Amino acid sequence: MILWGRASSVNVQKVLWALEELGLAFDHRIVGGKYGGLDTPEFAALVPMARVPVLEDGDIALWESHSILRYLAKKTGLLSVTTHADMWMEFGSTTLQPPFIGLFWQRVRMTPDQQDSAILAGHLKALTKGLAALNTGLSDGRSFVAGSDFSMADIVLGSLFYRMTDLYPDILGPFPHVADWHATISARPGYQRWIVTSYDELKVRP
């Protein structure tokens, strides 16, 4: 297997974490962002979109991180994507990740004079609403997002939380079930190796 993408991309991090959980060997080719490489003929021949991650497995080339995760689950028979797991993965795509990315861009990818306090407040409100929904989902005492077993849904949602809590250390205070879940998943080796990483290369300097 070959994984194309820079490790500072949260969507690439999801796949890196999944590969770690599944114990799969792979060749990591660092492309995208400041590393370039997305406009090379070799990469362009793989997929129609010049973005990462891309997973190459023999004659199969897959893009979109959640599609890759579903493929890996089906291929290995591990971390299966149940109906509930799939639902929470889509919740990550539609509800949790968009405001997180908005906040991240404002706080990290823009200089202070470029940031818009109203836009920041809107993203923070939407993210808080998403965390409240996740907190409700976890309030039945389940250990993981989709039930009693760790799943791809935990990877999809959990990959956002290191940067989220780094930028907003108190954000999980009102959401004790989310905080407990995050404490559990953040202890996993894959989280520590691939999610708890510096994002300095993404910061825009004033």
N, C-alpha and C. Protein backbone atom coordinates (compact mmCIF):
# COMPACT_ATOMS: atom_id res chain seq x y z
N MET A 1 0.83 -1.19 0.00
CA MET A 1 0.00 0.00 0.00
C MET A 1 0.87 1.25 0.00
N ILE A 2 0.37 2.28 -0.66
CA ILE A 2 1.03 3.58 -0.67
C ILE A 2 0.02 4.62 -0.23
N LEU A 3 0.38 5.39 0.78
CA LEU A 3 -0.47 6.51 1.19
C LEU A 3 0.20 7.81 0.77
N TRP A 4 -0.53 8.57 -0.02
CA TRP A 4 -0.05 9.87 -0.48
C TRP A 4 -0.68 10.95 0.38
N GLY A 5 0.17 11.84 0.91
CA GLY A 5 -0.36 12.97 1.66
C GLY A 5 0.56 13.40 2.77
N ARG A 6 0.45 14.67 3.14
CA ARG A 6 1.28 15.21 4.21
C ARG A 6 0.63 14.91 5.56
N ALA A 7 1.46 14.58 6.54
CA ALA A 7 0.96 14.19 7.85
C ALA A 7 0.35 15.34 8.63
N SER A 8 0.52 16.57 8.15
CA SER A 8 -0.08 17.71 8.84
C SER A 8 -1.53 17.95 8.41
N SER A 9 -2.02 17.18 7.44
CA SER A 9 -3.42 17.27 7.02
C SER A 9 -4.28 16.39 7.93
N VAL A 10 -5.34 16.95 8.50
CA VAL A 10 -6.17 16.17 9.40
C VAL A 10 -6.82 15.00 8.68
N ASN A 11 -7.14 15.15 7.40
CA ASN A 11 -7.75 14.05 6.66
C ASN A 11 -6.74 12.93 6.38
N VAL A 12 -5.49 13.28 6.16
CA VAL A 12 -4.44 12.27 6.03
C VAL A 12 -4.21 11.60 7.39
N GLN A 13 -4.27 12.37 8.46
CA GLN A 13 -4.09 11.81 9.80
C GLN A 13 -5.10 10.72 10.11
N LYS A 14 -6.32 10.88 9.63
CA LYS A 14 -7.34 9.85 9.84
C LYS A 14 -6.88 8.51 9.27
N VAL A 15 -6.34 8.56 8.07
CA VAL A 15 -5.91 7.32 7.41
C VAL A 15 -4.67 6.76 8.08
N LEU A 16 -3.74 7.62 8.44
CA LEU A 16 -2.54 7.17 9.15
C LEU A 16 -2.91 6.46 10.46
N TRP A 17 -3.84 7.03 11.19
CA TRP A 17 -4.29 6.43 12.45
C TRP A 17 -4.96 5.08 12.18
N ALA A 18 -5.80 5.01 11.16
CA ALA A 18 -6.47 3.76 10.84
C ALA A 18 -5.47 2.68 10.44
N LEU A 19 -4.50 3.03 9.63
CA LEU A 19 -3.48 2.06 9.22
C LEU A 19 -2.71 1.54 10.43
N GLU A 20 -2.45 2.43 11.39
CA GLU A 20 -1.79 2.01 12.62
C GLU A 20 -2.65 1.05 13.41
N GLU A 21 -3.92 1.37 13.57
CA GLU A 21 -4.84 0.50 14.32
C GLU A 21 -4.95 -0.87 13.68
N LEU A 22 -4.92 -0.90 12.35
CA LEU A 22 -5.08 -2.16 11.62
C LEU A 22 -3.78 -2.92 11.45
N GLY A 23 -2.67 -2.31 11.82
CA GLY A 23 -1.37 -2.98 11.71
C GLY A 23 -0.93 -3.22 10.28
N LEU A 24 -1.31 -2.34 9.37
CA LEU A 24 -0.99 -2.52 7.96
C LEU A 24 0.30 -1.80 7.59
N ALA A 25 1.14 -2.47 6.82
CA ALA A 25 2.38 -1.85 6.33
C ALA A 25 2.05 -0.98 5.13
N PHE A 26 2.72 0.15 5.02
CA PHE A 26 2.47 1.04 3.89
C PHE A 26 3.69 1.93 3.66
N ASP A 27 3.76 2.42 2.46
CA ASP A 27 4.78 3.40 2.08
C ASP A 27 4.12 4.76 2.11
N HIS A 28 4.69 5.68 2.87
CA HIS A 28 4.10 7.01 3.00
C HIS A 28 4.84 7.99 2.10
N ARG A 29 4.14 8.53 1.12
CA ARG A 29 4.73 9.50 0.21
C ARG A 29 4.16 10.88 0.54
N ILE A 30 5.01 11.74 1.01
CA ILE A 30 4.60 13.04 1.53
C ILE A 30 4.46 14.04 0.40
N VAL A 31 3.22 14.40 0.12
CA VAL A 31 2.89 15.37 -0.93
C VAL A 31 1.79 16.27 -0.41
N GLY A 32 1.62 17.40 -1.09
CA GLY A 32 0.58 18.34 -0.73
C GLY A 32 1.12 19.47 0.13
N GLY A 33 0.39 20.57 0.15
CA GLY A 33 0.82 21.72 0.93
C GLY A 33 2.17 22.23 0.48
N LYS A 34 3.02 22.54 1.44
CA LYS A 34 4.33 23.10 1.11
C LYS A 34 5.24 22.09 0.42
N TYR A 35 4.86 20.81 0.45
CA TYR A 35 5.69 19.76 -0.15
C TYR A 35 5.44 19.62 -1.65
N GLY A 36 4.32 20.16 -2.14
CA GLY A 36 4.03 20.05 -3.56
C GLY A 36 3.79 18.62 -3.99
N GLY A 37 3.99 18.35 -5.26
CA GLY A 37 3.89 17.00 -5.79
C GLY A 37 2.53 16.60 -6.32
N LEU A 38 1.51 17.45 -6.13
CA LEU A 38 0.17 17.09 -6.58
C LEU A 38 -0.03 17.31 -8.07
N ASP A 39 0.89 18.05 -8.69
CA ASP A 39 0.76 18.32 -10.11
C ASP A 39 1.69 17.47 -10.96
N THR A 40 2.30 16.45 -10.34
CA THR A 40 3.18 15.56 -11.11
C THR A 40 2.34 14.58 -11.92
N PRO A 41 2.85 14.11 -13.06
CA PRO A 41 2.11 13.12 -13.85
C PRO A 41 1.80 11.85 -13.06
N GLU A 42 2.73 11.45 -12.18
CA GLU A 42 2.54 10.23 -11.40
C GLU A 42 1.31 10.35 -10.50
N PHE A 43 1.18 11.49 -9.82
CA PHE A 43 0.03 11.67 -8.93
C PHE A 43 -1.24 11.93 -9.73
N ALA A 44 -1.15 12.73 -10.77
CA ALA A 44 -2.33 13.06 -11.58
C ALA A 44 -2.96 11.82 -12.21
N ALA A 45 -2.15 10.79 -12.44
CA ALA A 45 -2.67 9.57 -13.06
C ALA A 45 -3.52 8.75 -12.09
N LEU A 46 -3.44 9.06 -10.79
CA LEU A 46 -4.12 8.25 -9.79
C LEU A 46 -5.59 8.63 -9.63
N VAL A 47 -5.86 9.92 -9.53
CA VAL A 47 -7.20 10.39 -9.18
C VAL A 47 -7.53 11.67 -9.94
N PRO A 48 -8.81 11.99 -10.06
CA PRO A 48 -9.18 13.20 -10.81
C PRO A 48 -9.03 14.49 -10.02
N MET A 49 -8.87 14.39 -8.69
CA MET A 49 -8.75 15.58 -7.86
C MET A 49 -7.33 15.68 -7.30
N ALA A 50 -6.73 16.85 -7.44
CA ALA A 50 -5.36 17.04 -6.96
C ALA A 50 -5.35 17.40 -5.48
N ARG A 51 -5.74 16.41 -4.67
CA ARG A 51 -5.72 16.63 -3.23
C ARG A 51 -5.49 15.31 -2.52
N VAL A 52 -5.13 15.41 -1.27
CA VAL A 52 -4.81 14.23 -0.46
C VAL A 52 -5.86 14.10 0.65
N PRO A 53 -5.97 12.87 1.23
CA PRO A 53 -5.15 11.68 1.00
C PRO A 53 -5.59 10.88 -0.21
N VAL A 54 -4.64 10.08 -0.70
CA VAL A 54 -4.91 9.07 -1.71
C VAL A 54 -4.27 7.78 -1.24
N LEU A 55 -5.01 6.70 -1.28
CA LEU A 55 -4.47 5.38 -0.93
C LEU A 55 -4.38 4.54 -2.18
N GLU A 56 -3.19 4.06 -2.45
CA GLU A 56 -2.95 3.19 -3.60
C GLU A 56 -2.74 1.78 -3.08
N ASP A 57 -3.56 0.86 -3.53
CA ASP A 57 -3.47 -0.53 -3.10
C ASP A 57 -3.52 -1.42 -4.35
N GLY A 58 -2.35 -1.78 -4.83
CA GLY A 58 -2.29 -2.52 -6.09
C GLY A 58 -2.78 -1.64 -7.22
N ASP A 59 -3.80 -2.11 -7.94
CA ASP A 59 -4.32 -1.32 -9.06
C ASP A 59 -5.50 -0.45 -8.65
N ILE A 60 -5.74 -0.34 -7.34
CA ILE A 60 -6.82 0.49 -6.82
C ILE A 60 -6.23 1.79 -6.28
N ALA A 61 -6.81 2.92 -6.63
CA ALA A 61 -6.43 4.21 -6.07
C ALA A 61 -7.69 4.88 -5.53
N LEU A 62 -7.69 5.19 -4.26
CA LEU A 62 -8.87 5.75 -3.60
C LEU A 62 -8.56 7.13 -3.06
N TRP A 63 -9.53 8.04 -3.19
CA TRP A 63 -9.43 9.34 -2.56
C TRP A 63 -10.67 9.57 -1.71
N GLU A 64 -10.67 10.66 -0.96
CA GLU A 64 -11.66 10.97 0.08
C GLU A 64 -11.38 10.07 1.30
N SER A 65 -11.04 10.71 2.40
CA SER A 65 -10.55 9.98 3.57
C SER A 65 -11.56 8.97 4.11
N HIS A 66 -12.83 9.32 4.15
CA HIS A 66 -13.80 8.39 4.72
C HIS A 66 -14.04 7.19 3.81
N SER A 67 -13.96 7.40 2.50
CA SER A 67 -14.04 6.26 1.58
C SER A 67 -12.87 5.32 1.79
N ILE A 68 -11.70 5.89 2.03
CA ILE A 68 -10.52 5.07 2.29
C ILE A 68 -10.71 4.27 3.58
N LEU A 69 -11.25 4.90 4.61
CA LEU A 69 -11.47 4.19 5.87
C LEU A 69 -12.46 3.04 5.70
N ARG A 70 -13.51 3.28 4.94
CA ARG A 70 -14.48 2.20 4.69
C ARG A 70 -13.84 1.05 3.91
N TYR A 71 -13.01 1.39 2.96
CA TYR A 71 -12.31 0.38 2.17
C TYR A 71 -11.41 -0.46 3.07
N LEU A 72 -10.65 0.19 3.95
CA LEU A 72 -9.74 -0.53 4.83
C LEU A 72 -10.50 -1.44 5.79
N ALA A 73 -11.64 -0.96 6.28
CA ALA A 73 -12.46 -1.78 7.18
C ALA A 73 -12.96 -3.02 6.46
N LYS A 74 -13.44 -2.83 5.23
CA LYS A 74 -13.94 -3.96 4.46
C LYS A 74 -12.81 -4.92 4.08
N LYS A 75 -11.67 -4.39 3.72
CA LYS A 75 -10.55 -5.21 3.29
C LYS A 75 -10.03 -6.10 4.42
N THR A 76 -9.97 -5.54 5.63
CA THR A 76 -9.38 -6.27 6.75
C THR A 76 -10.40 -7.01 7.60
N GLY A 77 -11.66 -6.58 7.52
CA GLY A 77 -12.67 -7.16 8.41
C GLY A 77 -12.57 -6.63 9.82
N LEU A 78 -11.79 -5.56 10.01
CA LEU A 78 -11.59 -4.97 11.33
C LEU A 78 -12.14 -3.55 11.35
N LEU A 79 -12.46 -3.07 12.56
CA LEU A 79 -13.03 -1.72 12.71
C LEU A 79 -14.20 -1.53 11.75
N SER A 80 -15.06 -2.53 11.70
CA SER A 80 -16.14 -2.55 10.72
C SER A 80 -17.00 -1.30 10.81
N VAL A 81 -17.46 -0.84 9.67
CA VAL A 81 -18.30 0.35 9.61
C VAL A 81 -19.76 -0.10 9.67
N THR A 82 -20.27 -0.19 10.89
CA THR A 82 -21.68 -0.53 11.09
C THR A 82 -22.54 0.67 10.69
N THR A 83 -23.84 0.46 10.71
CA THR A 83 -24.76 1.55 10.38
C THR A 83 -24.55 2.73 11.31
N HIS A 84 -24.38 2.45 12.61
CA HIS A 84 -24.19 3.53 13.58
C HIS A 84 -22.85 4.21 13.38
N ALA A 85 -21.82 3.43 13.10
CA ALA A 85 -20.51 4.03 12.84
C ALA A 85 -20.56 4.92 11.61
N ASP A 86 -21.22 4.45 10.57
CA ASP A 86 -21.33 5.22 9.33
C ASP A 86 -22.08 6.53 9.59
N MET A 87 -23.11 6.47 10.41
CA MET A 87 -23.87 7.68 10.74
C MET A 87 -22.99 8.72 11.43
N TRP A 88 -22.18 8.28 12.38
CA TRP A 88 -21.33 9.21 13.10
C TRP A 88 -20.16 9.70 12.23
N MET A 89 -19.73 8.88 11.30
CA MET A 89 -18.72 9.36 10.36
C MET A 89 -19.27 10.51 9.52
N GLU A 90 -20.52 10.36 9.08
CA GLU A 90 -21.14 11.43 8.30
C GLU A 90 -21.41 12.66 9.16
N PHE A 91 -21.74 12.44 10.41
CA PHE A 91 -21.88 13.56 11.36
C PHE A 91 -20.57 14.36 11.42
N GLY A 92 -19.45 13.65 11.39
CA GLY A 92 -18.16 14.34 11.36
C GLY A 92 -18.02 15.20 10.12
N SER A 93 -18.43 14.66 8.97
CA SER A 93 -18.31 15.38 7.71
C SER A 93 -19.20 16.60 7.64
N THR A 94 -20.43 16.47 8.14
CA THR A 94 -21.43 17.53 7.93
C THR A 94 -21.54 18.51 9.08
N THR A 95 -21.24 18.06 10.30
CA THR A 95 -21.55 18.86 11.48
C THR A 95 -20.33 19.30 12.27
N LEU A 96 -19.39 18.39 12.51
CA LEU A 96 -18.28 18.72 13.40
C LEU A 96 -17.07 19.30 12.68
N GLN A 97 -16.70 18.71 11.54
CA GLN A 97 -15.47 19.16 10.89
C GLN A 97 -15.59 20.54 10.23
N PRO A 98 -16.70 20.88 9.58
CA PRO A 98 -16.74 22.19 8.92
C PRO A 98 -16.48 23.38 9.85
N PRO A 99 -17.14 23.48 11.03
CA PRO A 99 -16.82 24.62 11.89
C PRO A 99 -15.42 24.51 12.50
N PHE A 100 -14.96 23.29 12.74
CA PHE A 100 -13.59 23.14 13.24
C PHE A 100 -12.60 23.67 12.22
N ILE A 101 -12.78 23.31 10.95
CA ILE A 101 -11.87 23.80 9.91
C ILE A 101 -11.95 25.32 9.81
N GLY A 102 -13.17 25.86 9.93
CA GLY A 102 -13.33 27.30 9.89
C GLY A 102 -12.57 27.99 11.01
N LEU A 103 -12.68 27.44 12.22
CA LEU A 103 -11.93 28.00 13.35
C LEU A 103 -10.43 27.88 13.13
N PHE A 104 -10.02 26.72 12.65
CA PHE A 104 -8.59 26.48 12.46
C PHE A 104 -8.01 27.46 11.44
N TRP A 105 -8.73 27.70 10.37
CA TRP A 105 -8.25 28.65 9.36
C TRP A 105 -8.15 30.05 9.94
N GLN A 106 -9.15 30.44 10.70
CA GLN A 106 -9.11 31.78 11.28
C GLN A 106 -7.96 31.91 12.30
N ARG A 107 -7.81 30.93 13.16
CA ARG A 107 -6.84 31.02 14.25
C ARG A 107 -5.41 30.71 13.83
N VAL A 108 -5.24 29.85 12.83
CA VAL A 108 -3.91 29.34 12.50
C VAL A 108 -3.44 29.80 11.13
N ARG A 109 -4.34 29.81 10.16
CA ARG A 109 -3.96 30.07 8.78
C ARG A 109 -4.08 31.53 8.38
N MET A 110 -4.49 32.38 9.33
CA MET A 110 -4.60 33.81 9.07
C MET A 110 -3.83 34.59 10.13
N THR A 111 -3.34 35.74 9.75
CA THR A 111 -2.70 36.63 10.73
C THR A 111 -3.80 37.29 11.56
N PRO A 112 -3.46 37.77 12.76
CA PRO A 112 -4.49 38.39 13.61
C PRO A 112 -5.28 39.50 12.91
N ASP A 113 -4.64 40.27 12.08
CA ASP A 113 -5.35 41.36 11.40
C ASP A 113 -6.29 40.85 10.31
N GLN A 114 -6.11 39.62 9.87
CA GLN A 114 -6.99 39.03 8.86
C GLN A 114 -8.21 38.34 9.48
N GLN A 115 -8.11 38.01 10.76
CA GLN A 115 -9.17 37.25 11.41
C GLN A 115 -10.43 38.11 11.61
N ASP A 116 -11.58 37.45 11.55
CA ASP A 116 -12.87 38.12 11.68
C ASP A 116 -13.57 37.57 12.92
N SER A 117 -13.76 38.41 13.92
CA SER A 117 -14.32 37.95 15.19
C SER A 117 -15.74 37.41 15.03
N ALA A 118 -16.51 37.99 14.12
CA ALA A 118 -17.87 37.50 13.91
C ALA A 118 -17.87 36.11 13.28
N ILE A 119 -16.98 35.90 12.32
CA ILE A 119 -16.88 34.58 11.70
C ILE A 119 -16.38 33.56 12.71
N LEU A 120 -15.40 33.94 13.51
CA LEU A 120 -14.91 33.06 14.56
C LEU A 120 -16.04 32.66 15.51
N ALA A 121 -16.81 33.64 15.94
CA ALA A 121 -17.90 33.36 16.87
C ALA A 121 -18.93 32.42 16.25
N GLY A 122 -19.22 32.59 14.98
CA GLY A 122 -20.17 31.71 14.30
C GLY A 122 -19.67 30.29 14.22
N HIS A 123 -18.40 30.12 13.89
CA HIS A 123 -17.82 28.77 13.83
C HIS A 123 -17.81 28.13 15.22
N LEU A 124 -17.46 28.92 16.23
CA LEU A 124 -17.40 28.37 17.59
C LEU A 124 -18.79 27.96 18.07
N LYS A 125 -19.80 28.74 17.72
CA LYS A 125 -21.18 28.39 18.08
C LYS A 125 -21.60 27.08 17.41
N ALA A 126 -21.27 26.92 16.12
CA ALA A 126 -21.63 25.70 15.39
C ALA A 126 -20.88 24.50 15.94
N LEU A 127 -19.61 24.68 16.27
CA LEU A 127 -18.84 23.58 16.82
C LEU A 127 -19.38 23.16 18.19
N THR A 128 -19.72 24.14 19.00
CA THR A 128 -20.27 23.86 20.32
C THR A 128 -21.59 23.10 20.21
N LYS A 129 -22.40 23.47 19.23
CA LYS A 129 -23.66 22.75 19.01
C LYS A 129 -23.40 21.31 18.61
N GLY A 130 -22.39 21.10 17.76
CA GLY A 130 -22.02 19.74 17.38
C GLY A 130 -21.51 18.93 18.56
N LEU A 131 -20.71 19.55 19.41
CA LEU A 131 -20.20 18.85 20.59
C LEU A 131 -21.34 18.49 21.54
N ALA A 132 -22.33 19.36 21.62
CA ALA A 132 -23.49 19.05 22.47
C ALA A 132 -24.23 17.82 21.95
N ALA A 133 -24.37 17.71 20.63
CA ALA A 133 -25.02 16.54 20.04
C ALA A 133 -24.20 15.28 20.30
N LEU A 134 -22.88 15.38 20.16
CA LEU A 134 -22.02 14.24 20.44
C LEU A 134 -22.11 13.86 21.91
N ASN A 135 -22.17 14.84 22.78
CA ASN A 135 -22.29 14.58 24.21
C ASN A 135 -23.57 13.82 24.53
N THR A 136 -24.66 14.21 23.87
CA THR A 136 -25.92 13.50 24.04
C THR A 136 -25.81 12.07 23.53
N GLY A 137 -25.15 11.90 22.40
CA GLY A 137 -24.98 10.56 21.85
C GLY A 137 -24.18 9.64 22.75
N LEU A 138 -23.27 10.20 23.50
CA LEU A 138 -22.42 9.41 24.38
C LEU A 138 -22.98 9.29 25.80
N SER A 139 -24.12 9.90 26.05
CA SER A 139 -24.65 9.96 27.41
C SER A 139 -25.24 8.65 27.91
N ASP A 140 -25.35 7.65 27.01
CA ASP A 140 -25.90 6.36 27.44
C ASP A 140 -24.85 5.46 28.05
N GLY A 141 -23.63 5.96 28.22
CA GLY A 141 -22.58 5.18 28.87
C GLY A 141 -21.74 4.35 27.93
N ARG A 142 -21.97 4.46 26.64
CA ARG A 142 -21.17 3.70 25.69
C ARG A 142 -19.70 4.13 25.78
N SER A 143 -18.81 3.20 25.47
CA SER A 143 -17.38 3.50 25.55
C SER A 143 -16.89 4.29 24.35
N PHE A 144 -17.49 4.00 23.19
CA PHE A 144 -17.05 4.62 21.95
C PHE A 144 -18.26 5.19 21.21
N VAL A 145 -17.98 5.93 20.17
CA VAL A 145 -19.04 6.67 19.49
C VAL A 145 -20.16 5.77 18.98
N ALA A 146 -19.80 4.63 18.39
CA ALA A 146 -20.80 3.77 17.77
C ALA A 146 -21.21 2.58 18.64
N GLY A 147 -20.74 2.53 19.87
CA GLY A 147 -21.11 1.42 20.73
C GLY A 147 -19.99 1.04 21.68
N SER A 148 -19.88 -0.25 21.96
CA SER A 148 -18.89 -0.72 22.93
C SER A 148 -17.52 -0.95 22.33
N ASP A 149 -17.42 -0.94 21.01
CA ASP A 149 -16.15 -1.22 20.33
C ASP A 149 -15.62 0.02 19.61
N PHE A 150 -14.32 0.18 19.63
CA PHE A 150 -13.65 1.23 18.88
C PHE A 150 -13.91 1.02 17.39
N SER A 151 -14.18 2.11 16.66
CA SER A 151 -14.51 1.97 15.25
C SER A 151 -13.92 3.12 14.44
N MET A 152 -14.12 3.05 13.14
CA MET A 152 -13.67 4.12 12.26
C MET A 152 -14.31 5.46 12.63
N ALA A 153 -15.50 5.42 13.20
CA ALA A 153 -16.14 6.67 13.61
C ALA A 153 -15.35 7.39 14.68
N ASP A 154 -14.73 6.64 15.57
CA ASP A 154 -13.89 7.26 16.60
C ASP A 154 -12.67 7.93 15.98
N ILE A 155 -12.16 7.34 14.92
CA ILE A 155 -11.01 7.93 14.22
C ILE A 155 -11.43 9.22 13.51
N VAL A 156 -12.56 9.16 12.81
CA VAL A 156 -13.03 10.34 12.07
C VAL A 156 -13.25 11.52 13.00
N LEU A 157 -13.96 11.30 14.10
CA LEU A 157 -14.22 12.40 15.02
C LEU A 157 -12.99 12.73 15.87
N GLY A 158 -12.33 11.70 16.35
CA GLY A 158 -11.21 11.91 17.27
C GLY A 158 -10.04 12.65 16.66
N SER A 159 -9.89 12.55 15.35
CA SER A 159 -8.76 13.20 14.69
C SER A 159 -8.81 14.72 14.80
N LEU A 160 -9.98 15.27 15.11
CA LEU A 160 -10.13 16.72 15.22
C LEU A 160 -9.74 17.26 16.59
N PHE A 161 -9.67 16.38 17.57
CA PHE A 161 -9.71 16.87 18.94
C PHE A 161 -8.38 17.36 19.50
N TYR A 162 -7.27 16.90 19.00
CA TYR A 162 -6.01 17.43 19.53
C TYR A 162 -5.89 18.91 19.22
N ARG A 163 -6.11 19.28 17.97
CA ARG A 163 -6.00 20.69 17.59
C ARG A 163 -7.12 21.50 18.23
N MET A 164 -8.31 20.92 18.30
CA MET A 164 -9.44 21.62 18.91
C MET A 164 -9.15 21.99 20.36
N THR A 165 -8.67 21.02 21.12
CA THR A 165 -8.40 21.27 22.54
C THR A 165 -7.11 22.05 22.74
N ASP A 166 -6.22 22.03 21.77
CA ASP A 166 -5.02 22.85 21.85
C ASP A 166 -5.37 24.32 21.67
N LEU A 167 -6.27 24.61 20.72
CA LEU A 167 -6.68 25.98 20.48
C LEU A 167 -7.67 26.48 21.53
N TYR A 168 -8.51 25.58 22.03
CA TYR A 168 -9.52 25.93 23.02
C TYR A 168 -9.46 24.92 24.17
N PRO A 169 -8.53 25.10 25.11
CA PRO A 169 -8.30 24.10 26.16
C PRO A 169 -9.52 23.78 27.02
N ASP A 170 -10.44 24.71 27.15
CA ASP A 170 -11.60 24.49 28.03
C ASP A 170 -12.87 24.09 27.27
N ILE A 171 -12.74 23.80 26.00
CA ILE A 171 -13.94 23.62 25.18
C ILE A 171 -14.77 22.40 25.57
N LEU A 172 -14.13 21.38 26.16
CA LEU A 172 -14.89 20.18 26.52
C LEU A 172 -15.48 20.25 27.93
N GLY A 173 -15.24 21.35 28.64
CA GLY A 173 -15.76 21.49 30.00
C GLY A 173 -17.25 21.24 30.12
N PRO A 174 -18.07 21.79 29.24
CA PRO A 174 -19.53 21.58 29.35
C PRO A 174 -19.99 20.22 28.83
N PHE A 175 -19.07 19.42 28.35
CA PHE A 175 -19.44 18.16 27.69
C PHE A 175 -18.68 17.00 28.32
N PRO A 176 -19.08 16.56 29.52
CA PRO A 176 -18.31 15.55 30.25
C PRO A 176 -18.22 14.20 29.55
N HIS A 177 -19.26 13.81 28.83
CA HIS A 177 -19.23 12.52 28.14
C HIS A 177 -18.23 12.56 26.99
N VAL A 178 -18.18 13.69 26.29
CA VAL A 178 -17.20 13.85 25.23
C VAL A 178 -15.79 13.86 25.82
N ALA A 179 -15.62 14.55 26.94
CA ALA A 179 -14.30 14.61 27.58
C ALA A 179 -13.83 13.22 28.00
N ASP A 180 -14.73 12.41 28.56
CA ASP A 180 -14.36 11.05 28.96
C ASP A 180 -13.99 10.20 27.75
N TRP A 181 -14.79 10.30 26.70
CA TRP A 181 -14.50 9.56 25.46
C TRP A 181 -13.16 9.99 24.89
N HIS A 182 -12.92 11.29 24.85
CA HIS A 182 -11.66 11.77 24.30
C HIS A 182 -10.48 11.29 25.13
N ALA A 183 -10.63 11.26 26.44
CA ALA A 183 -9.55 10.75 27.29
C ALA A 183 -9.23 9.29 26.95
N THR A 184 -10.25 8.52 26.63
CA THR A 184 -10.06 7.12 26.28
C THR A 184 -9.36 6.96 24.94
N ILE A 185 -9.86 7.64 23.91
CA ILE A 185 -9.28 7.43 22.58
C ILE A 185 -7.91 8.08 22.45
N SER A 186 -7.68 9.15 23.19
CA SER A 186 -6.40 9.84 23.06
C SER A 186 -5.24 9.07 23.66
N ALA A 187 -5.55 8.03 24.44
CA ALA A 187 -4.50 7.18 25.00
C ALA A 187 -4.04 6.12 24.02
N ARG A 188 -4.72 5.95 22.92
CA ARG A 188 -4.36 4.92 21.95
C ARG A 188 -3.07 5.31 21.22
N PRO A 189 -2.21 4.33 20.95
CA PRO A 189 -0.93 4.64 20.30
C PRO A 189 -1.07 5.37 18.97
N GLY A 190 -2.08 5.01 18.17
CA GLY A 190 -2.26 5.66 16.88
C GLY A 190 -2.60 7.13 17.02
N TYR A 191 -3.38 7.46 18.03
CA TYR A 191 -3.70 8.86 18.30
C TYR A 191 -2.43 9.60 18.70
N GLN A 192 -1.68 9.01 19.61
CA GLN A 192 -0.46 9.66 20.09
C GLN A 192 0.57 9.83 18.99
N ARG A 193 0.65 8.88 18.08
CA ARG A 193 1.67 8.95 17.03
C ARG A 193 1.29 9.91 15.91
N TRP A 194 0.01 9.89 15.49
CA TRP A 194 -0.36 10.61 14.28
C TRP A 194 -1.21 11.86 14.51
N ILE A 195 -1.90 11.93 15.63
CA ILE A 195 -2.79 13.07 15.88
C ILE A 195 -2.10 14.12 16.75
N VAL A 196 -1.40 13.67 17.77
CA VAL A 196 -0.69 14.61 18.65
C VAL A 196 0.62 15.02 17.98
N THR A 197 0.50 15.86 16.99
CA THR A 197 1.66 16.30 16.23
C THR A 197 1.62 17.81 16.04
N SER A 198 2.76 18.38 15.82
CA SER A 198 2.86 19.82 15.63
C SER A 198 2.17 20.24 14.33
N TYR A 199 1.52 21.39 14.39
CA TYR A 199 0.97 21.98 13.15
C TYR A 199 1.64 23.33 12.88
N ASP A 200 2.86 23.47 13.37
CA ASP A 200 3.59 24.72 13.16
C ASP A 200 3.76 25.06 11.69
N GLU A 201 3.93 24.03 10.85
CA GLU A 201 4.16 24.30 9.43
C GLU A 201 2.95 24.95 8.75
N LEU A 202 1.79 24.86 9.40
CA LEU A 202 0.58 25.44 8.85
C LEU A 202 0.33 26.87 9.31
N LYS A 203 1.08 27.31 10.31
CA LYS A 203 0.83 28.62 10.89
C LYS A 203 1.35 29.73 9.98
N VAL A 204 0.51 30.74 9.84
CA VAL A 204 0.90 31.92 9.08
C VAL A 204 1.52 32.91 10.03
N ARG A 205 2.71 33.35 9.71
CA ARG A 205 3.42 34.28 10.59
C ARG A 205 3.02 35.73 10.26
N PRO A 206 2.81 36.54 11.29
CA PRO A 206 2.47 37.96 11.05
C PRO A 206 3.59 38.67 10.29
